Amino acid sequence: MNTFRTRRPLLVNATQCLHPTLILTDSGQRKAYPGDWIIEGENRERYIVDNAFFQRTFAPIPWESSSEGRHYGS
């Protein structure tokens, strides 16, 4: 097995759930639980990740205009 990484930064909009929430994803309707993160991607697709994965994978950044990467979600 080989290891790969993305070629460009992945910028996403993410919201942490405070209460159980149903969302529509590409895989159908899914339930997000308190502490989970709802991530909105490039084509407005949504997916849910648990807090532990989110904390290992994503870091907050102050928003500023940049030509690096693409802003996902909005």
Protein backbone atom coordinates (compact mmCIF):
# COMPACT_ATOMS: atom_id res chain seq x y z
CA MET A 1 0.00 0.00 0.00
CA ASN A 2 1.24 3.51 -0.83
CA THR A 3 0.65 6.68 1.16
CA PHE A 4 -0.74 9.79 -0.54
CA ARG A 5 -1.57 13.36 0.40
CA THR A 6 -3.63 16.01 -1.31
CA ARG A 7 -1.92 18.35 -3.77
CA ARG A 8 -3.68 21.43 -2.54
CA PRO A 9 -4.99 22.67 0.80
CA LEU A 10 -8.55 21.64 1.56
CA LEU A 11 -10.55 24.55 2.93
CA VAL A 12 -14.03 23.70 4.24
CA ASN A 13 -16.90 25.27 6.12
CA ALA A 14 -17.55 23.29 9.28
CA THR A 15 -20.10 23.57 12.07
CA GLN A 16 -20.02 21.60 15.30
CA CYS A 17 -23.37 20.11 16.31
CA LEU A 18 -24.80 21.18 19.66
CA HIS A 19 -27.84 18.87 19.49
CA PRO A 20 -28.86 15.81 17.42
CA THR A 21 -29.47 16.91 13.83
CA LEU A 22 -30.60 15.13 10.66
CA ILE A 23 -28.84 16.18 7.46
CA LEU A 24 -29.10 15.07 3.85
CA THR A 25 -25.82 13.69 2.45
CA ASP A 26 -24.85 12.07 -0.85
CA SER A 27 -25.41 8.75 0.99
CA GLY A 28 -28.89 9.68 2.16
CA GLN A 29 -30.15 11.06 5.46
CA ARG A 30 -27.69 10.83 8.38
CA LYS A 31 -27.82 11.84 12.00
CA ALA A 32 -25.17 14.07 13.55
CA TYR A 33 -24.75 13.93 17.31
CA PRO A 34 -23.57 16.62 19.73
CA GLY A 35 -19.82 17.10 19.23
CA ASP A 36 -19.85 15.84 15.62
CA TRP A 37 -18.88 18.22 12.82
CA ILE A 38 -20.94 18.87 9.68
CA ILE A 39 -18.60 19.72 6.83
CA GLU A 40 -19.79 21.37 3.62
CA GLY A 41 -17.71 20.64 0.53
CA GLU A 42 -17.05 22.30 -2.80
CA ASN A 43 -20.33 21.32 -4.46
CA ARG A 44 -22.36 21.90 -1.30
CA GLU A 45 -22.19 18.21 -0.44
CA ARG A 46 -22.31 17.58 3.30
CA TYR A 47 -20.74 14.95 5.43
CA ILE A 48 -20.34 14.24 9.13
CA VAL A 49 -17.11 13.55 11.00
CA ASP A 50 -16.63 12.86 14.68
CA ASN A 51 -14.78 15.37 16.83
CA ALA A 52 -11.62 13.24 17.28
CA PHE A 53 -11.13 12.89 13.50
CA PHE A 54 -11.92 16.56 12.95
CA GLN A 55 -9.35 17.69 15.56
CA ARG A 56 -6.63 15.47 14.00
CA THR A 57 -7.38 16.59 10.44
CA PHE A 58 -8.50 20.23 10.42
CA ALA A 59 -7.16 23.44 11.96
CA PRO A 60 -8.92 26.82 12.14
CA ILE A 61 -7.46 29.60 10.05
CA PRO A 62 -8.21 33.31 10.10
CA TRP A 63 -10.04 34.15 6.90
CA GLU A 64 -8.14 36.23 4.42
CA SER A 65 -8.19 36.38 0.65
CA SER A 66 -5.67 34.04 -0.89
CA SER A 67 -4.92 32.49 -4.24
CA GLU A 68 -3.81 29.32 -2.46
CA GLY A 69 -6.30 26.47 -2.50
CA ARG A 70 -10.01 26.90 -2.93
CA HIS A 71 -12.56 27.96 -0.39
CA TYR A 72 -15.01 25.11 0.04
CA GLY A 73 -18.67 25.56 0.88
CA SER A 74 -19.68 29.17 0.37
